[in-house]
Amino acid sequence: MEDIDKKQQDKLAGKGKRSILGTLLLPMAWFFPHRKGRAYFHKIRGVKIGKNVEIGYFCIIGNVHPAEITIEDGAVVTARSTILEHDNAMYYTGRGVVKSGPVCIKKGAFLGIGTIVMPGVTIGEKSVIAPYSFVNKDIPSNVLAGGQPAKVIKRYTD
């Protein structure tokens, strides 16, 4: 890996400078007693959050590059869900580079408890992700998806 590539990969991996404010706000974003308060603290950290968004307890949302995450109006992210804008696995094991990309949770989408959303994924409008699903590919609008990896289980026509 060239030196410049190494520096870029280190930055994507979260090494070096991070927002001190964003880091200090993590406990408030995770544990604030009201769901709108948790959304507010994630928004201050840099996550793009629409109106009437609900975020459950201890949701990990873009802890390194929060500005890469968008959660649109009326979306619900339930407790212990994780939305990743980067994945360091291949980088830290020397098998490749950091995978990174923006994540978008569209209007009215619902992430069930313990859902994991990987970098570069879009969850479509009004889609429901079943609890404890692993989402590593885009999910279309108006579907129920679930599993490891998540797959479309049902399509809604309304």
C-alpha atoms as a PDB file:
ATOM      1  CA  MET A   1       0.000   0.000   0.000  1.00  0.00           C
ATOM      2  CA  GLU A   2       1.399   3.398  -0.931  1.00  0.00           C
ATOM      3  CA  ASP A   3       1.942   5.878   1.888  1.00  0.00           C
ATOM      4  CA  ILE A   4      -0.898   8.120   0.685  1.00  0.00           C
ATOM      5  CA  ASP A   5      -3.273   5.148   0.501  1.00  0.00           C
ATOM      6  CA  LYS A   6      -2.254   4.140   4.029  1.00  0.00           C
ATOM      7  CA  LYS A   7      -3.095   7.628   5.328  1.00  0.00           C
ATOM      8  CA  GLN A   8      -6.492   7.547   3.623  1.00  0.00           C
ATOM      9  CA  GLN A   9      -7.195   4.088   5.008  1.00  0.00           C
ATOM     10  CA  ASP A  10      -6.138   5.168   8.505  1.00  0.00           C
ATOM     11  CA  LYS A  11      -8.552   8.106   8.301  1.00  0.00           C
ATOM     12  CA  LEU A  12     -11.410   5.872   7.111  1.00  0.00           C
ATOM     13  CA  ALA A  13     -10.602   3.422   9.906  1.00  0.00           C
ATOM     14  CA  GLY A  14     -11.029   6.190  12.470  1.00  0.00           C
ATOM     15  CA  LYS A  15      -7.385   6.526  13.447  1.00  0.00           C
ATOM     16  CA  GLY A  16      -6.115   9.988  14.339  1.00  0.00           C
ATOM     17  CA  LYS A  17      -8.276  13.040  14.891  1.00  0.00           C
ATOM     18  CA  ARG A  18     -11.927  12.543  15.805  1.00  0.00           C
ATOM     19  CA  SER A  19     -14.485  15.048  16.899  1.00  0.00           C
ATOM     20  CA  ILE A  20     -14.089  15.416  20.644  1.00  0.00           C
ATOM     21  CA  LEU A  21     -17.623  16.780  20.923  1.00  0.00           C
ATOM     22  CA  GLY A  22     -19.004  13.855  18.919  1.00  0.00           C
ATOM     23  CA  THR A  23     -17.217  11.371  21.161  1.00  0.00           C
ATOM     24  CA  LEU A  24     -18.351  13.101  24.359  1.00  0.00           C
ATOM     25  CA  LEU A  25     -21.959  13.069  23.163  1.00  0.00           C
ATOM     26  CA  LEU A  26     -22.039   9.301  22.546  1.00  0.00           C
ATOM     27  CA  PRO A  27     -23.279   8.340  26.053  1.00  0.00           C
ATOM     28  CA  MET A  28     -26.112  10.899  25.807  1.00  0.00           C
ATOM     29  CA  ALA A  29     -27.019   9.644  22.331  1.00  0.00           C
ATOM     30  CA  TRP A  30     -27.040   6.053  23.634  1.00  0.00           C
ATOM     31  CA  PHE A  31     -28.829   6.425  26.971  1.00  0.00           C
ATOM     32  CA  PHE A  32     -30.891   9.632  27.062  1.00  0.00           C
ATOM     33  CA  PRO A  33     -34.286   8.734  28.608  1.00  0.00           C
ATOM     34  CA  HIS A  34     -36.428   9.981  25.695  1.00  0.00           C
ATOM     35  CA  ARG A  35     -36.215   8.742  22.096  1.00  0.00           C
ATOM     36  CA  LYS A  36     -36.352  12.269  20.629  1.00  0.00           C
ATOM     37  CA  GLY A  37     -33.491  13.293  22.911  1.00  0.00           C
ATOM     38  CA  ARG A  38     -31.393  10.404  21.613  1.00  0.00           C
ATOM     39  CA  ALA A  39     -32.144  11.517  18.032  1.00  0.00           C
ATOM     40  CA  TYR A  40     -31.173  15.080  18.961  1.00  0.00           C
ATOM     41  CA  PHE A  41     -27.781  14.018  20.365  1.00  0.00           C
ATOM     42  CA  HIS A  42     -27.021  11.891  17.286  1.00  0.00           C
ATOM     43  CA  LYS A  43     -27.942  14.916  15.152  1.00  0.00           C
ATOM     44  CA  ILE A  44     -25.498  17.127  17.105  1.00  0.00           C
ATOM     45  CA  ARG A  45     -22.826  14.459  16.471  1.00  0.00           C
ATOM     46  CA  GLY A  46     -23.380  14.946  12.718  1.00  0.00           C
ATOM     47  CA  VAL A  47     -25.882  12.235  11.744  1.00  0.00           C
ATOM     48  CA  LYS A  48     -28.398  13.656   9.255  1.00  0.00           C
ATOM     49  CA  ILE A  49     -31.759  13.097  10.971  1.00  0.00           C
ATOM     50  CA  GLY A  50     -35.213  14.081   9.671  1.00  0.00           C
ATOM     51  CA  LYS A  51     -38.376  14.962  11.555  1.00  0.00           C
ATOM     52  CA  ASN A  52     -40.134  12.558  13.946  1.00  0.00           C
ATOM     53  CA  VAL A  53     -37.283  10.045  13.964  1.00  0.00           C
ATOM     54  CA  GLU A  54     -37.207   7.614  16.901  1.00  0.00           C
ATOM     55  CA  ILE A  55     -33.969   6.060  18.100  1.00  0.00           C
ATOM     56  CA  GLY A  56     -33.877   3.335  20.758  1.00  0.00           C
ATOM     57  CA  TYR A  57     -31.395   2.804  23.578  1.00  0.00           C
ATOM     58  CA  PHE A  58     -27.751   2.039  22.818  1.00  0.00           C
ATOM     59  CA  CYS A  59     -27.859   2.404  19.045  1.00  0.00           C
ATOM     60  CA  ILE A  60     -24.439   2.682  17.457  1.00  0.00           C
ATOM     61  CA  ILE A  61     -24.836   5.079  14.545  1.00  0.00           C
ATOM     62  CA  GLY A  62     -21.761   6.102  12.600  1.00  0.00           C
ATOM     63  CA  ASN A  63     -19.413   6.438  15.548  1.00  0.00           C
ATOM     64  CA  VAL A  64     -16.442   7.441  13.359  1.00  0.00           C
ATOM     65  CA  HIS A  65     -17.981   9.359  10.421  1.00  0.00           C
ATOM     66  CA  PRO A  66     -21.530  10.259  11.534  1.00  0.00           C
ATOM     67  CA  ALA A  67     -22.101  12.663   8.619  1.00  0.00           C
ATOM     68  CA  GLU A  68     -22.202   9.615   6.306  1.00  0.00           C
ATOM     69  CA  ILE A  69     -25.493   8.451   7.876  1.00  0.00           C
ATOM     70  CA  THR A  70     -28.931   9.788   6.870  1.00  0.00           C
ATOM     71  CA  ILE A  71     -32.126   8.835   8.708  1.00  0.00           C
ATOM     72  CA  GLU A  72     -35.153  10.354   7.001  1.00  0.00           C
ATOM     73  CA  ASP A  73     -38.488  11.582   8.416  1.00  0.00           C
ATOM     74  CA  GLY A  74     -40.521   9.148  10.478  1.00  0.00           C
ATOM     75  CA  ALA A  75     -37.936   6.361  10.508  1.00  0.00           C
ATOM     76  CA  VAL A  76     -37.561   4.173  13.601  1.00  0.00           C
ATOM     77  CA  VAL A  77     -34.273   2.621  14.737  1.00  0.00           C
ATOM     78  CA  THR A  78     -34.980   0.310  17.679  1.00  0.00           C
ATOM     79  CA  ALA A  79     -32.706  -0.532  20.621  1.00  0.00           C
ATOM     80  CA  ARG A  80     -29.240  -2.023  20.177  1.00  0.00           C
ATOM     81  CA  SER A  81     -29.251  -1.493  16.417  1.00  0.00           C
ATOM     82  CA  THR A  82     -25.983  -0.662  14.666  1.00  0.00           C
ATOM     83  CA  ILE A  83     -25.600   1.464  11.539  1.00  0.00           C
ATOM     84  CA  LEU A  84     -22.025   1.358  10.226  1.00  0.00           C
ATOM     85  CA  GLU A  85     -20.543   3.800   7.741  1.00  0.00           C
ATOM     86  CA  HIS A  86     -17.239   1.924   7.738  1.00  0.00           C
ATOM     87  CA  ASP A  87     -15.995  -1.644   8.221  1.00  0.00           C
ATOM     88  CA  ASN A  88     -12.376  -2.167   9.278  1.00  0.00           C
ATOM     89  CA  ALA A  89     -12.244  -5.975   9.229  1.00  0.00           C
ATOM     90  CA  MET A  90     -10.153  -6.437   6.072  1.00  0.00           C
ATOM     91  CA  TYR A  91      -7.933  -3.456   6.877  1.00  0.00           C
ATOM     92  CA  TYR A  92      -7.013  -4.601  10.388  1.00  0.00           C
ATOM     93  CA  THR A  93      -6.343  -8.170   9.285  1.00  0.00           C
ATOM     94  CA  GLY A  94      -4.165  -7.012   6.379  1.00  0.00           C
ATOM     95  CA  ARG A  95      -6.480  -8.575   3.801  1.00  0.00           C
ATOM     96  CA  GLY A  96      -7.747  -5.410   2.125  1.00  0.00           C
ATOM     97  CA  VAL A  97      -9.018  -1.915   2.617  1.00  0.00           C
ATOM     98  CA  VAL A  98     -11.589  -0.228   4.804  1.00  0.00           C
ATOM     99  CA  LYS A  99     -15.032  -0.585   3.294  1.00  0.00           C
ATOM    100  CA  SER A 100     -16.900   2.683   3.678  1.00  0.00           C
ATOM    101  CA  GLY A 101     -19.948   4.339   2.224  1.00  0.00           C
ATOM    102  CA  PRO A 102     -22.983   6.401   3.094  1.00  0.00           C
ATOM    103  CA  VAL A 103     -26.017   4.748   4.647  1.00  0.00           C
ATOM    104  CA  CYS A 104     -29.568   5.984   4.164  1.00  0.00           C
ATOM    105  CA  ILE A 105     -32.625   4.903   6.131  1.00  0.00           C
ATOM    106  CA  LYS A 106     -35.536   6.231   4.056  1.00  0.00           C
ATOM    107  CA  LYS A 107     -38.807   7.789   5.226  1.00  0.00           C
ATOM    108  CA  GLY A 108     -40.952   5.634   7.467  1.00  0.00           C
ATOM    109  CA  ALA A 109     -38.536   2.675   7.536  1.00  0.00           C
ATOM    110  CA  PHE A 110     -38.386   0.515  10.680  1.00  0.00           C
ATOM    111  CA  LEU A 111     -35.285  -1.318  11.935  1.00  0.00           C
ATOM    112  CA  GLY A 112     -36.115  -4.102  14.395  1.00  0.00           C
ATOM    113  CA  ILE A 113     -34.158  -4.559  17.609  1.00  0.00           C
ATOM    114  CA  GLY A 114     -30.510  -5.519  17.138  1.00  0.00           C
ATOM    115  CA  THR A 115     -30.400  -4.865  13.389  1.00  0.00           C
ATOM    116  CA  ILE A 116     -26.971  -4.330  11.832  1.00  0.00           C
ATOM    117  CA  VAL A 117     -26.729  -2.173   8.696  1.00  0.00           C
ATOM    118  CA  MET A 118     -23.401  -2.239   6.842  1.00  0.00           C
ATOM    119  CA  PRO A 119     -21.711   0.602   4.894  1.00  0.00           C
ATOM    120  CA  GLY A 120     -23.162   1.701   1.562  1.00  0.00           C
ATOM    121  CA  VAL A 121     -26.684   0.358   2.233  1.00  0.00           C
ATOM    122  CA  THR A 122     -30.032   2.071   1.628  1.00  0.00           C
ATOM    123  CA  ILE A 123     -33.187   0.861   3.386  1.00  0.00           C
ATOM    124  CA  GLY A 124     -36.225   1.813   1.262  1.00  0.00           C
ATOM    125  CA  GLU A 125     -39.249   3.844   2.340  1.00  0.00           C
ATOM    126  CA  LYS A 126     -41.676   2.125   4.724  1.00  0.00           C
ATOM    127  CA  SER A 127     -39.640  -1.071   4.751  1.00  0.00           C
ATOM    128  CA  VAL A 128     -39.518  -3.190   7.895  1.00  0.00           C
ATOM    129  CA  ILE A 129     -36.324  -4.974   8.883  1.00  0.00           C
ATOM    130  CA  ALA A 130     -36.922  -7.952  11.173  1.00  0.00           C
ATOM    131  CA  PRO A 131     -35.115  -8.073  14.540  1.00  0.00           C
ATOM    132  CA  TYR A 132     -31.458  -9.157  14.595  1.00  0.00           C
ATOM    133  CA  SER A 133     -31.071  -8.938  10.825  1.00  0.00           C
ATOM    134  CA  PHE A 134     -27.746  -8.327   9.078  1.00  0.00           C
ATOM    135  CA  VAL A 135     -28.304  -5.920   6.175  1.00  0.00           C
ATOM    136  CA  ASN A 136     -25.393  -5.821   3.737  1.00  0.00           C
ATOM    137  CA  LYS A 137     -27.292  -4.946   0.527  1.00  0.00           C
ATOM    138  CA  ASP A 138     -29.900  -2.348  -0.391  1.00  0.00           C
ATOM    139  CA  ILE A 139     -33.464  -3.135   0.632  1.00  0.00           C
ATOM    140  CA  PRO A 140     -36.261  -1.823  -1.642  1.00  0.00           C
ATOM    141  CA  SER A 141     -39.218   0.238  -0.439  1.00  0.00           C
ATOM    142  CA  ASN A 142     -42.358  -1.319   1.056  1.00  0.00           C
ATOM    143  CA  VAL A 143     -40.990  -4.738   1.998  1.00  0.00           C
ATOM    144  CA  LEU A 144     -40.412  -6.894   5.039  1.00  0.00           C
ATOM    145  CA  ALA A 145     -36.821  -8.125   5.038  1.00  0.00           C
ATOM    146  CA  GLY A 146     -34.921 -10.211   7.543  1.00  0.00           C
ATOM    147  CA  GLY A 147     -32.214 -12.757   8.166  1.00  0.00           C
ATOM    148  CA  GLN A 148     -28.421 -13.031   8.045  1.00  0.00           C
ATOM    149  CA  PRO A 149     -27.957 -11.684   5.430  1.00  0.00           C
ATOM    150  CA  ALA A 150     -31.302  -9.908   5.125  1.00  0.00           C
ATOM    151  CA  LYS A 151     -33.535 -10.919   2.228  1.00  0.00           C
ATOM    152  CA  VAL A 152     -36.969  -9.743   1.156  1.00  0.00           C
ATOM    153  CA  ILE A 153     -39.610 -11.897   2.863  1.00  0.00           C
ATOM    154  CA  LYS A 154     -42.763 -10.046   1.855  1.00  0.00           C
ATOM    155  CA  ARG A 155     -43.785  -7.133  -0.403  1.00  0.00           C
ATOM    156  CA  TYR A 156     -46.419  -4.646   0.740  1.00  0.00           C
ATOM    157  CA  THR A 157     -48.823  -3.202  -1.824  1.00  0.00           C
ATOM    158  CA  ASP A 158     -50.213  -0.277   0.176  1.00  0.00           C
END
